[in-house]
């Protein structure tokens, strides 16, 4: 059950944010540094993309036919149809010129919870935000270097997020009625030097899957934070996972192709989109509610 295969042979500079659309049976994903949103058909192998003028870090699907909500360098934006002009919503970090949005997903009420990255990393300059369905924005957390790994437990009572450079995943109580988080605690602290937690997804048993950047593997953690399973990936820098296909038992894995030449000799397929079949299915993604 751990035979990792290439789903799409490509050379993404910084592949991220895979999202399965159960309606059109396609996987959407981004190449942050190339400023692209891709859509991949696993049946035909076709992959096309929309080119932007700025980085797109994360996105969520809206209701069928309504397009996407996206976290970009310029803040939150809508794209109503594939390739249509961006519609600005809000830029809560307009004065933070180094920052851009990085990782996020929707809760069961349709809010888009997304965090930012502070590239200089000389201080804790990144934040976690919530875009409500009324398009109001509120700050959920600050004091981060790279906000990553956003995920919700199946009952919506728990919200997880990671701070990748600190090698830590946090667990918070989540109030689905208000969208507020509280009682943050360390869910899992990875040792330094063996991969750091990047993007994530939750399966139907409430287990948290995370890609370990510079760790060459993805890891499944129990709701109590115990490592249950590790799957080696033929790329040193997997970035995020997403469940897909009709039975939601294919785990798709994005990776980084912009790596040193010596590393690429050992991992020549870096930058590709990988897949592996797993025993426990994932949960369909919630959509933005506006």
Protein backbone atom coordinates (compact mmCIF):
# COMPACT_ATOMS: atom_id res chain seq x y z
CA UNK A 1 0.00 0.00 0.00
CA UNK A 2 3.01 2.32 -0.15
CA UNK A 3 4.07 2.10 -3.79
CA UNK A 4 4.59 5.77 -4.68
CA UNK A 5 4.18 6.49 -8.39
CA UNK A 6 4.46 9.53 -10.62
CA UNK A 7 1.00 10.90 -11.34
CA UNK A 8 2.31 13.75 -13.49
CA UNK A 9 5.88 14.01 -14.69
CA UNK A 10 6.60 17.72 -14.47
CA UNK A 11 9.18 20.10 -13.10
CA UNK A 12 7.31 22.35 -10.72
CA UNK A 13 9.54 24.99 -9.21
CA UNK A 14 7.51 24.99 -5.98
CA UNK A 15 4.54 22.67 -6.30
CA UNK A 16 1.97 23.18 -3.53
CA UNK A 17 -1.69 23.15 -2.43
CA UNK A 18 -3.15 20.12 -4.23
CA UNK A 19 -6.97 20.10 -4.05
CA UNK A 20 -9.29 17.42 -5.39
CA UNK A 21 -12.56 18.49 -7.02
CA UNK A 22 -15.04 15.66 -6.62
CA UNK A 23 -17.38 17.20 -9.19
CA UNK A 24 -15.04 17.27 -12.19
CA UNK A 25 -12.65 14.59 -10.85
CA UNK A 26 -9.60 16.77 -11.31
CA UNK A 27 -6.73 17.74 -9.08
CA UNK A 28 -5.92 21.44 -8.84
CA UNK A 29 -2.50 22.53 -7.61
CA UNK A 30 -0.21 25.55 -7.67
CA UNK A 31 3.36 26.31 -8.60
CA UNK A 32 3.98 29.23 -6.26
CA UNK A 33 7.21 30.55 -7.73
CA UNK A 34 5.98 30.21 -11.30
CA UNK A 35 2.75 32.05 -10.33
CA UNK A 36 0.50 29.35 -11.76
CA UNK A 37 -2.69 27.51 -10.83
CA UNK A 38 -2.85 24.08 -12.50
CA UNK A 39 -5.63 21.59 -13.13
CA UNK A 40 -4.74 17.95 -13.73
CA UNK A 41 -6.94 15.23 -15.18
CA UNK A 42 -5.60 11.89 -13.88
CA UNK A 43 -7.56 9.92 -16.48
CA UNK A 44 -6.22 11.70 -19.57
CA UNK A 45 -2.96 12.98 -18.07
CA UNK A 46 -3.78 16.49 -19.27
CA UNK A 47 -2.46 19.37 -17.15
CA UNK A 48 -3.10 23.02 -18.00
CA UNK A 49 -2.65 26.19 -15.99
CA UNK A 50 -3.60 29.81 -15.48
CA UNK A 51 -0.68 32.24 -15.39
CA UNK A 52 -0.79 35.09 -12.87
CA UNK A 53 1.39 38.16 -12.37
CA UNK A 54 2.01 37.33 -8.72
CA UNK A 55 2.48 34.32 -6.50
CA UNK A 56 -0.53 32.20 -5.54
CA UNK A 57 0.10 30.36 -2.29
CA UNK A 58 -3.20 28.62 -1.69
CA UNK A 59 -6.80 28.48 -2.83
CA UNK A 60 -10.16 26.86 -2.14
CA UNK A 61 -12.92 25.85 -4.47
CA UNK A 62 -16.26 27.62 -4.36
CA UNK A 63 -19.62 26.11 -5.32
CA UNK A 64 -19.55 24.48 -8.77
CA UNK A 65 -19.51 27.19 -11.40
CA UNK A 66 -18.39 29.94 -9.00
CA UNK A 67 -14.64 29.44 -9.33
CA UNK A 68 -12.02 29.92 -6.65
CA UNK A 69 -11.01 31.98 -3.65
CA UNK A 70 -7.24 32.44 -3.51
CA UNK A 71 -4.56 33.58 -1.10
CA UNK A 72 -1.93 35.48 -3.10
CA UNK A 73 0.80 38.05 -2.57
CA UNK A 74 -1.86 40.76 -2.94
CA UNK A 75 -4.15 39.11 -0.38
CA UNK A 76 -7.47 37.38 -0.96
CA UNK A 77 -8.90 37.30 -4.48
CA UNK A 78 -11.72 35.62 -6.39
CA UNK A 79 -11.33 34.03 -9.81
CA UNK A 80 -14.86 33.28 -10.97
CA UNK A 81 -14.07 31.17 -14.04
CA UNK A 82 -10.94 29.44 -15.27
CA UNK A 83 -8.58 32.17 -16.44
CA UNK A 84 -10.88 35.12 -15.72
CA UNK A 85 -9.64 38.37 -14.21
CA UNK A 86 -8.93 38.46 -10.48
CA UNK A 87 -11.47 40.19 -8.24
CA UNK A 88 -9.76 41.64 -5.14
CA UNK A 89 -11.39 40.93 -1.77
CA UNK A 90 -9.02 42.12 0.95
CA UNK A 91 -5.32 42.43 1.66
CA UNK A 92 -4.82 42.19 5.44
CA UNK A 93 -1.03 42.39 5.10
CA UNK A 94 -0.78 45.21 2.57
CA UNK A 95 1.81 47.00 4.70
CA UNK A 96 3.93 43.86 5.20
CA UNK A 97 5.82 44.02 1.93
CA UNK A 98 7.82 40.81 2.45
CA UNK A 99 4.80 38.63 3.18
CA UNK A 100 2.57 36.58 0.92
CA UNK A 101 -0.15 34.02 1.56
CA UNK A 102 1.11 30.47 1.80
CA UNK A 103 -1.32 27.77 2.99
CA UNK A 104 -5.02 27.51 3.80
CA UNK A 105 -8.32 25.66 3.51
CA UNK A 106 -12.01 26.08 4.27
CA UNK A 107 -13.90 25.03 7.38
CA UNK A 108 -17.30 23.32 7.44
CA UNK A 109 -19.10 26.69 7.42
CA UNK A 110 -17.29 27.90 4.34
CA UNK A 111 -14.71 30.21 5.93
CA UNK A 112 -11.28 30.30 4.28
CA UNK A 113 -8.56 30.02 6.92
CA UNK A 114 -5.16 30.88 5.46
CA UNK A 115 -1.75 31.85 6.73
CA UNK A 116 1.21 33.79 5.41
CA UNK A 117 4.96 33.37 5.16
CA UNK A 118 7.63 35.86 6.20
CA UNK A 119 10.62 34.97 3.95
CA UNK A 120 13.42 36.87 5.77
CA UNK A 121 12.78 34.67 8.82
CA UNK A 122 14.71 37.02 11.10
CA UNK A 123 11.63 37.41 13.30
CA UNK A 124 8.18 35.88 13.72
CA UNK A 125 6.52 38.00 11.04
CA UNK A 126 3.82 35.72 9.61
CA UNK A 127 0.17 35.42 10.61
CA UNK A 128 -2.94 33.26 10.33
CA UNK A 129 -6.15 34.81 8.98
CA UNK A 130 -9.80 33.89 8.48
CA UNK A 131 -11.87 35.16 5.55
CA UNK A 132 -15.52 34.83 6.54
CA UNK A 133 -18.36 34.24 4.13
CA UNK A 134 -19.35 37.90 4.54
CA UNK A 135 -15.83 38.74 3.26
CA UNK A 136 -14.70 40.16 6.61
CA UNK A 137 -11.14 39.24 7.62
CA UNK A 138 -9.96 38.48 11.15
CA UNK A 139 -6.58 37.49 12.56
CA UNK A 140 -6.50 34.11 14.30
CA UNK A 141 -2.81 33.91 15.24
CA UNK A 142 0.51 35.72 14.84
CA UNK A 143 4.12 35.14 15.84
CA UNK A 144 4.84 32.67 13.02
CA UNK A 145 7.64 32.27 10.52
CA UNK A 146 5.74 30.18 7.96
CA UNK A 147 2.08 29.36 8.51
CA UNK A 148 1.41 25.93 7.04
CA UNK A 149 -0.46 22.66 7.46
CA UNK A 150 -3.97 24.06 8.00
CA UNK A 151 -6.48 21.24 8.63
CA UNK A 152 -9.67 20.51 10.54
CA UNK A 153 -10.70 17.40 12.45
CA UNK A 154 -13.70 15.53 10.98
CA UNK A 155 -16.01 16.94 13.67
CA UNK A 156 -14.64 20.50 13.17
CA UNK A 157 -13.75 20.73 16.86
CA UNK A 158 -9.99 20.87 16.27
CA UNK A 159 -7.87 23.06 14.01
CA UNK A 160 -4.27 22.18 13.21
CA UNK A 161 -1.54 24.31 11.72
CA UNK A 162 2.23 24.14 11.56
CA UNK A 163 5.12 26.58 11.69
CA UNK A 164 7.42 24.85 9.23
CA UNK A 165 10.86 26.32 10.13
CA UNK A 166 10.19 25.54 13.80
CA UNK A 167 9.39 21.89 12.92
CA UNK A 168 6.19 22.07 14.98
CA UNK A 169 2.50 21.31 14.43
CA UNK A 170 -0.03 22.96 16.73
CA UNK A 171 -3.45 21.77 17.81
CA UNK A 172 -6.19 24.26 18.77
CA UNK A 173 -9.80 24.07 19.88
CA UNK A 174 -11.99 25.38 17.07
CA UNK A 175 -15.38 27.01 17.53
CA UNK A 176 -17.24 26.28 14.31
CA UNK A 177 -19.95 28.81 15.21
CA UNK A 178 -17.58 31.76 15.51
CA UNK A 179 -14.49 30.58 13.63
CA UNK A 180 -12.26 31.33 16.62
CA UNK A 181 -9.36 29.22 17.86
CA UNK A 182 -8.22 28.76 21.46
CA UNK A 183 -6.11 26.60 23.76
CA UNK A 184 -3.17 26.13 21.40
CA UNK A 185 -0.82 23.31 22.28
CA UNK A 186 1.97 21.41 20.56
CA UNK A 187 0.51 18.50 18.61
CA UNK A 188 3.83 17.13 17.38
CA UNK A 189 7.38 18.44 17.48
CA UNK A 190 9.66 16.93 14.82
CA UNK A 191 13.35 16.69 15.48
CA UNK A 192 15.46 19.19 13.61
CA UNK A 193 17.41 18.07 10.55
CA UNK A 194 15.13 15.24 9.38
CA UNK A 195 12.37 17.07 7.57
CA UNK A 196 9.95 19.77 8.65
CA UNK A 197 6.14 19.72 8.46
CA UNK A 198 4.65 21.41 5.41
CA UNK A 199 1.14 21.03 3.93
CA UNK A 200 -1.37 18.57 5.34
CA UNK A 201 -4.67 16.72 4.99
CA UNK A 202 -7.01 14.78 7.29
CA UNK A 203 -8.44 11.30 6.72
CA UNK A 204 -11.83 9.96 7.87
CA UNK A 205 -10.29 8.55 11.06
CA UNK A 206 -9.12 12.03 12.05
CA UNK A 207 -5.47 11.28 11.38
CA UNK A 208 -3.25 14.11 10.19
CA UNK A 209 -1.07 13.55 7.13
CA UNK A 210 1.84 15.93 6.60
CA UNK A 211 4.56 16.23 3.96
CA UNK A 212 8.03 16.60 5.44
CA UNK A 213 9.99 19.16 3.45
CA UNK A 214 13.64 18.10 3.14
CA UNK A 215 12.56 14.87 4.81
CA UNK A 216 11.70 12.84 1.71
CA UNK A 217 8.53 11.38 3.18
CA UNK A 218 4.96 11.90 4.26
CA UNK A 219 3.81 10.98 7.75
CA UNK A 220 0.44 9.97 9.21
CA UNK A 221 -0.16 11.11 12.79
CA UNK A 222 -2.90 9.90 15.11
CA UNK A 223 -5.32 12.42 16.68
CA UNK A 224 -3.03 12.21 19.72
CA UNK A 225 0.03 13.18 17.68
CA UNK A 226 1.67 9.76 17.47
CA UNK A 227 3.45 8.75 14.26
CA UNK A 228 1.49 5.85 12.77
CA UNK A 229 2.92 5.55 9.28
CA UNK A 230 5.70 6.95 7.09
CA UNK A 231 5.85 6.74 3.31
CA UNK A 232 9.07 7.52 1.47
CA UNK A 233 8.72 9.89 -1.50
CA UNK A 234 11.20 9.95 -4.42
CA UNK A 235 11.81 13.66 -3.88
CA UNK A 236 13.61 15.20 -0.93
CA UNK A 237 11.11 18.05 -0.70
CA UNK A 238 7.49 16.94 -0.70
CA UNK A 239 5.34 19.95 0.13
CA UNK A 240 1.69 18.92 0.58
CA UNK A 241 -0.75 16.04 0.30
CA UNK A 242 -4.35 15.75 -0.86
CA UNK A 243 -6.77 12.85 -1.03
CA UNK A 244 -8.44 12.24 -4.37
CA UNK A 245 -10.01 9.93 -6.95
CA UNK A 246 -13.54 8.56 -6.69
CA UNK A 247 -12.89 6.62 -3.49
CA UNK A 248 -10.68 9.35 -1.92
CA UNK A 249 -7.99 6.75 -1.30
CA UNK A 250 -5.30 8.15 -3.59
CA UNK A 251 -2.91 10.45 -1.78
CA UNK A 252 -1.47 13.03 -4.17
CA UNK A 253 1.85 14.66 -3.22
CA UNK A 254 3.32 17.89 -4.62
CA UNK A 255 7.08 18.43 -4.61
CA UNK A 256 9.82 20.97 -5.33
CA UNK A 257 11.95 20.87 -8.47
CA UNK A 258 14.09 23.92 -7.72
CA UNK A 259 16.80 22.06 -5.82
CA UNK A 260 20.62 21.74 -5.96
CA UNK A 261 22.08 19.72 -8.83
CA UNK A 262 23.62 17.15 -6.49
CA UNK A 263 20.23 16.49 -4.93
CA UNK A 264 18.55 16.20 -8.34
CA UNK A 265 21.01 13.47 -9.29
CA UNK A 266 19.58 11.37 -6.47
CA UNK A 267 16.00 12.56 -6.96
CA UNK A 268 15.62 13.19 -10.71
CA UNK A 269 11.82 13.30 -10.54
CA UNK A 270 11.74 16.18 -8.07
CA UNK A 271 9.06 18.68 -9.01
CA UNK A 272 6.68 15.97 -10.19
CA UNK A 273 3.25 15.23 -8.81
CA UNK A 274 3.25 11.85 -7.08
CA UNK A 275 0.50 9.54 -5.90
CA UNK A 276 0.13 6.56 -3.58
CA UNK A 277 -2.84 4.40 -2.65
CA UNK A 278 -3.71 4.36 1.06
CA UNK A 279 -6.05 2.22 3.15
CA UNK A 280 -8.02 4.98 4.87
CA UNK A 281 -9.83 7.51 2.65
CA UNK A 282 -9.64 11.23 3.06
CA UNK A 283 -12.39 13.80 3.55
CA UNK A 284 -13.81 15.87 0.71
CA UNK A 285 -12.69 19.48 0.88
CA UNK A 286 -15.14 22.08 2.14
CA UNK A 287 -15.85 24.92 -0.26
CA UNK A 288 -15.84 28.64 0.32
CA UNK A 289 -19.34 29.72 1.28
CA UNK A 290 -19.69 32.95 -0.69
